[in-house]
Amino acid sequence: MIYSILAQAQAQGSNYSFYIMMGLMIVIFYFFMIRPQQKKAKDQKKFTDEIQRGDYVVTIGGAHGRIAELEKDTFILEVEKGGRIKFNKSAISMEATKAATKGA
């Protein structure tokens, strides 16, 4: 009888430890996967909202140039003298632009 009580107590204890481990895994997953991704998306949105006419940018496709005109969701990129291409603001690569401006 004593052994059966101990076995039941041990089974319930492992149940609690399972839930604790699952909770810890969810917390770790949030802090190492979800939160940094949300921060990166927020920084990218802030970067695209703050661009101005004349800024040097690099698009996701690799086009380098200066912003000639800004509209609500689009911009016109001047790639060469007189060469202009229209892009969506979401096509600007924040990391590539920062790397290109550091080298210049």
N, C-alpha and C. Protein backbone atom coordinates (compact mmCIF):
# COMPACT_ATOMS: atom_id res chain seq x y z
N MET A 1 0.82 -1.19 0.00
CA MET A 1 0.00 0.00 0.00
C MET A 1 0.87 1.26 0.00
N ILE A 2 1.89 1.28 0.77
CA ILE A 2 2.78 2.43 0.83
C ILE A 2 3.44 2.64 -0.53
N TYR A 3 3.80 1.54 -1.19
CA TYR A 3 4.44 1.65 -2.50
C TYR A 3 3.51 2.25 -3.54
N SER A 4 2.23 1.90 -3.47
CA SER A 4 1.29 2.46 -4.44
C SER A 4 1.09 3.96 -4.22
N ILE A 5 1.10 4.41 -2.97
CA ILE A 5 0.97 5.84 -2.67
C ILE A 5 2.20 6.59 -3.19
N LEU A 6 3.38 6.03 -2.98
CA LEU A 6 4.61 6.66 -3.47
C LEU A 6 4.63 6.70 -4.99
N ALA A 7 4.15 5.63 -5.62
CA ALA A 7 4.12 5.59 -7.09
C ALA A 7 3.18 6.66 -7.65
N GLN A 8 2.02 6.83 -6.97
CA GLN A 8 1.09 7.86 -7.42
C GLN A 8 1.66 9.26 -7.23
N ALA A 9 2.33 9.48 -6.11
CA ALA A 9 2.93 10.78 -5.85
C ALA A 9 4.03 11.07 -6.87
N GLN A 10 4.79 10.04 -7.21
CA GLN A 10 5.86 10.22 -8.18
C GLN A 10 5.28 10.50 -9.57
N ALA A 11 4.19 9.87 -9.94
CA ALA A 11 3.56 10.09 -11.25
C ALA A 11 3.01 11.51 -11.32
N GLN A 12 2.42 12.01 -10.25
CA GLN A 12 1.91 13.38 -10.26
C GLN A 12 3.04 14.39 -10.32
N GLY A 13 4.13 14.12 -9.67
CA GLY A 13 5.28 15.01 -9.71
C GLY A 13 5.85 15.11 -11.11
N SER A 14 5.91 14.02 -11.84
CA SER A 14 6.44 14.06 -13.20
C SER A 14 5.48 14.81 -14.12
N ASN A 15 4.19 14.77 -13.81
CA ASN A 15 3.21 15.52 -14.58
C ASN A 15 3.48 17.02 -14.44
N TYR A 16 3.73 17.48 -13.23
CA TYR A 16 4.02 18.89 -13.00
C TYR A 16 5.33 19.29 -13.67
N SER A 17 6.32 18.44 -13.58
CA SER A 17 7.60 18.79 -14.20
C SER A 17 7.47 18.86 -15.72
N PHE A 18 6.59 18.04 -16.30
CA PHE A 18 6.34 18.10 -17.74
C PHE A 18 5.78 19.47 -18.12
N TYR A 19 4.80 19.95 -17.36
CA TYR A 19 4.20 21.26 -17.65
C TYR A 19 5.19 22.40 -17.43
N ILE A 20 6.02 22.26 -16.41
CA ILE A 20 7.05 23.28 -16.16
C ILE A 20 8.03 23.32 -17.31
N MET A 21 8.48 22.16 -17.78
CA MET A 21 9.42 22.11 -18.90
C MET A 21 8.80 22.68 -20.18
N MET A 22 7.55 22.36 -20.43
CA MET A 22 6.88 22.90 -21.61
C MET A 22 6.75 24.42 -21.52
N GLY A 23 6.42 24.91 -20.34
CA GLY A 23 6.33 26.36 -20.14
C GLY A 23 7.67 27.04 -20.36
N LEU A 24 8.74 26.45 -19.85
CA LEU A 24 10.08 27.01 -20.06
C LEU A 24 10.46 27.00 -21.54
N MET A 25 10.10 25.95 -22.25
CA MET A 25 10.41 25.88 -23.67
C MET A 25 9.67 26.98 -24.44
N ILE A 26 8.43 27.24 -24.08
CA ILE A 26 7.65 28.29 -24.74
C ILE A 26 8.27 29.66 -24.47
N VAL A 27 8.68 29.91 -23.22
CA VAL A 27 9.31 31.18 -22.86
C VAL A 27 10.62 31.36 -23.63
N ILE A 28 11.43 30.33 -23.68
CA ILE A 28 12.71 30.39 -24.40
C ILE A 28 12.46 30.62 -25.89
N PHE A 29 11.49 29.91 -26.46
CA PHE A 29 11.15 30.08 -27.86
C PHE A 29 10.72 31.52 -28.14
N TYR A 30 9.94 32.10 -27.24
CA TYR A 30 9.48 33.49 -27.43
C TYR A 30 10.66 34.46 -27.43
N PHE A 31 11.54 34.33 -26.43
CA PHE A 31 12.63 35.30 -26.30
C PHE A 31 13.73 35.13 -27.35
N PHE A 32 13.91 33.93 -27.89
CA PHE A 32 14.97 33.74 -28.88
C PHE A 32 14.48 33.72 -30.32
N MET A 33 13.19 33.56 -30.56
CA MET A 33 12.69 33.48 -31.93
C MET A 33 11.68 34.58 -32.27
N ILE A 34 10.64 34.71 -31.50
CA ILE A 34 9.54 35.61 -31.85
C ILE A 34 9.89 37.07 -31.56
N ARG A 35 10.39 37.35 -30.39
CA ARG A 35 10.67 38.73 -29.99
C ARG A 35 11.71 39.41 -30.90
N PRO A 36 12.84 38.77 -31.21
CA PRO A 36 13.79 39.44 -32.11
C PRO A 36 13.22 39.69 -33.50
N GLN A 37 12.37 38.77 -33.97
CA GLN A 37 11.77 38.94 -35.29
C GLN A 37 10.81 40.14 -35.30
N GLN A 38 10.05 40.30 -34.22
CA GLN A 38 9.15 41.45 -34.11
C GLN A 38 9.93 42.75 -34.04
N LYS A 39 11.04 42.75 -33.31
CA LYS A 39 11.88 43.95 -33.20
C LYS A 39 12.48 44.32 -34.56
N LYS A 40 12.92 43.32 -35.30
CA LYS A 40 13.51 43.57 -36.62
C LYS A 40 12.46 44.15 -37.57
N ALA A 41 11.24 43.62 -37.54
CA ALA A 41 10.16 44.13 -38.39
C ALA A 41 9.81 45.57 -38.01
N LYS A 42 9.81 45.87 -36.71
CA LYS A 42 9.51 47.22 -36.25
C LYS A 42 10.60 48.20 -36.71
N ASP A 43 11.87 47.78 -36.61
CA ASP A 43 12.97 48.63 -37.06
C ASP A 43 12.93 48.87 -38.56
N GLN A 44 12.57 47.85 -39.34
CA GLN A 44 12.47 47.98 -40.79
C GLN A 44 11.36 48.97 -41.15
N LYS A 45 10.22 48.87 -40.47
CA LYS A 45 9.10 49.78 -40.74
C LYS A 45 9.50 51.22 -40.41
N LYS A 46 10.18 51.41 -39.28
CA LYS A 46 10.63 52.75 -38.89
C LYS A 46 11.61 53.30 -39.92
N PHE A 47 12.51 52.45 -40.40
CA PHE A 47 13.50 52.86 -41.40
C PHE A 47 12.83 53.31 -42.69
N THR A 48 11.85 52.54 -43.17
CA THR A 48 11.18 52.90 -44.42
C THR A 48 10.30 54.14 -44.26
N ASP A 49 9.78 54.37 -43.06
CA ASP A 49 8.97 55.56 -42.83
C ASP A 49 9.82 56.83 -42.77
N GLU A 50 11.10 56.69 -42.39
CA GLU A 50 11.96 57.86 -42.20
C GLU A 50 12.79 58.22 -43.43
N ILE A 51 12.70 57.45 -44.51
CA ILE A 51 13.51 57.79 -45.68
C ILE A 51 13.02 59.10 -46.29
N GLN A 52 13.96 59.83 -46.88
CA GLN A 52 13.63 61.13 -47.46
C GLN A 52 14.22 61.21 -48.86
N ARG A 53 13.78 62.22 -49.57
CA ARG A 53 14.29 62.48 -50.91
C ARG A 53 15.79 62.76 -50.83
N GLY A 54 16.56 62.14 -51.70
CA GLY A 54 18.00 62.33 -51.72
C GLY A 54 18.78 61.28 -50.95
N ASP A 55 18.10 60.43 -50.18
CA ASP A 55 18.79 59.37 -49.43
C ASP A 55 19.29 58.30 -50.38
N TYR A 56 20.46 57.75 -50.07
CA TYR A 56 21.04 56.65 -50.84
C TYR A 56 20.50 55.36 -50.25
N VAL A 57 19.90 54.50 -51.09
CA VAL A 57 19.33 53.25 -50.61
C VAL A 57 19.72 52.09 -51.54
N VAL A 58 19.55 50.90 -51.01
CA VAL A 58 19.75 49.66 -51.76
C VAL A 58 18.46 48.86 -51.64
N THR A 59 17.95 48.38 -52.76
CA THR A 59 16.72 47.59 -52.72
C THR A 59 17.04 46.13 -52.41
N ILE A 60 16.02 45.37 -52.12
CA ILE A 60 16.18 43.95 -51.84
C ILE A 60 16.75 43.24 -53.07
N GLY A 61 16.41 43.71 -54.25
CA GLY A 61 16.92 43.12 -55.48
C GLY A 61 18.34 43.52 -55.82
N GLY A 62 18.90 44.49 -55.08
CA GLY A 62 20.28 44.88 -55.28
C GLY A 62 20.48 46.16 -56.07
N ALA A 63 19.42 46.88 -56.38
CA ALA A 63 19.56 48.14 -57.11
C ALA A 63 20.01 49.24 -56.15
N HIS A 64 21.08 49.94 -56.51
CA HIS A 64 21.62 51.04 -55.71
C HIS A 64 21.22 52.36 -56.36
N GLY A 65 20.90 53.36 -55.55
CA GLY A 65 20.59 54.67 -56.10
C GLY A 65 20.08 55.63 -55.06
N ARG A 66 19.76 56.82 -55.51
CA ARG A 66 19.23 57.86 -54.64
C ARG A 66 17.74 58.03 -54.89
N ILE A 67 17.01 58.36 -53.84
CA ILE A 67 15.58 58.55 -53.96
C ILE A 67 15.31 59.90 -54.61
N ALA A 68 14.63 59.85 -55.76
CA ALA A 68 14.32 61.07 -56.50
C ALA A 68 12.97 61.64 -56.08
N GLU A 69 11.98 60.75 -55.89
CA GLU A 69 10.63 61.19 -55.50
C GLU A 69 10.05 60.19 -54.53
N LEU A 70 9.26 60.69 -53.60
CA LEU A 70 8.55 59.85 -52.63
C LEU A 70 7.06 60.03 -52.79
N GLU A 71 6.36 58.92 -52.75
CA GLU A 71 4.90 58.94 -52.73
C GLU A 71 4.45 58.19 -51.48
N LYS A 72 3.18 57.89 -51.38
CA LYS A 72 2.66 57.24 -50.18
C LYS A 72 3.33 55.88 -49.93
N ASP A 73 3.17 54.95 -50.87
CA ASP A 73 3.72 53.60 -50.71
C ASP A 73 4.85 53.29 -51.67
N THR A 74 5.20 54.23 -52.52
CA THR A 74 6.23 53.98 -53.53
C THR A 74 7.25 55.10 -53.53
N PHE A 75 8.35 54.84 -54.23
CA PHE A 75 9.37 55.86 -54.43
C PHE A 75 10.01 55.63 -55.79
N ILE A 76 10.60 56.66 -56.31
CA ILE A 76 11.31 56.56 -57.59
C ILE A 76 12.80 56.64 -57.28
N LEU A 77 13.52 55.61 -57.72
CA LEU A 77 14.95 55.50 -57.47
C LEU A 77 15.71 55.93 -58.71
N GLU A 78 16.61 56.88 -58.53
CA GLU A 78 17.45 57.33 -59.63
C GLU A 78 18.73 56.50 -59.57
N VAL A 79 18.88 55.60 -60.58
CA VAL A 79 20.01 54.68 -60.56
C VAL A 79 21.19 55.21 -61.34
N GLU A 80 20.97 55.95 -62.38
CA GLU A 80 22.02 56.60 -63.16
C GLU A 80 21.52 57.99 -63.48
N LYS A 81 22.32 58.75 -64.13
CA LYS A 81 21.85 60.09 -64.50
C LYS A 81 20.68 59.95 -65.46
N GLY A 82 19.52 60.28 -64.97
CA GLY A 82 18.31 60.21 -65.78
C GLY A 82 17.61 58.86 -65.72
N GLY A 83 18.26 57.82 -65.25
CA GLY A 83 17.63 56.50 -65.15
C GLY A 83 16.80 56.40 -63.89
N ARG A 84 15.51 56.19 -64.03
CA ARG A 84 14.61 56.16 -62.88
C ARG A 84 13.78 54.89 -62.90
N ILE A 85 13.62 54.29 -61.72
CA ILE A 85 12.83 53.08 -61.57
C ILE A 85 11.88 53.28 -60.38
N LYS A 86 10.64 52.84 -60.53
CA LYS A 86 9.65 52.98 -59.46
C LYS A 86 9.61 51.68 -58.64
N PHE A 87 9.69 51.80 -57.32
CA PHE A 87 9.67 50.67 -56.40
C PHE A 87 8.64 50.90 -55.30
N ASN A 88 8.22 49.82 -54.65
CA ASN A 88 7.45 49.93 -53.42
C ASN A 88 8.41 50.21 -52.28
N LYS A 89 7.95 50.90 -51.24
CA LYS A 89 8.81 51.19 -50.10
C LYS A 89 9.29 49.91 -49.41
N SER A 90 8.50 48.86 -49.49
CA SER A 90 8.89 47.60 -48.85
C SER A 90 10.08 46.94 -49.52
N ALA A 91 10.50 47.45 -50.69
CA ALA A 91 11.63 46.86 -51.41
C ALA A 91 12.98 47.38 -50.92
N ILE A 92 12.98 48.31 -49.97
CA ILE A 92 14.24 48.85 -49.46
C ILE A 92 14.82 47.88 -48.44
N SER A 93 16.09 47.56 -48.60
CA SER A 93 16.79 46.69 -47.67
C SER A 93 17.53 47.54 -46.65
N MET A 94 17.11 47.45 -45.40
CA MET A 94 17.71 48.27 -44.35
C MET A 94 19.17 47.90 -44.13
N GLU A 95 19.47 46.60 -44.05
CA GLU A 95 20.83 46.16 -43.75
C GLU A 95 21.79 46.52 -44.90
N ALA A 96 21.36 46.29 -46.14
CA ALA A 96 22.22 46.58 -47.28
C ALA A 96 22.45 48.08 -47.42
N THR A 97 21.45 48.89 -47.13
CA THR A 97 21.60 50.33 -47.21
C THR A 97 22.59 50.83 -46.17
N LYS A 98 22.47 50.31 -44.95
CA LYS A 98 23.40 50.73 -43.90
C LYS A 98 24.82 50.29 -44.23
N ALA A 99 24.99 49.09 -44.77
CA ALA A 99 26.32 48.61 -45.14
C ALA A 99 26.91 49.43 -46.28
N ALA A 100 26.08 49.80 -47.25
CA ALA A 100 26.57 50.57 -48.41
C ALA A 100 26.94 52.00 -48.01
N THR A 101 26.19 52.59 -47.08
CA THR A 101 26.51 53.96 -46.67
C THR A 101 27.74 54.00 -45.76
N LYS A 102 28.03 52.93 -45.05
CA LYS A 102 29.24 52.89 -44.22
C LYS A 102 30.49 52.83 -45.10
N GLY A 103 30.39 52.09 -46.23
CA GLY A 103 31.52 51.95 -47.13
C GLY A 103 31.78 53.18 -47.97
N ALA A 104 30.76 54.01 -48.14
CA ALA A 104 30.90 55.20 -49.00
C ALA A 104 31.53 56.37 -48.33
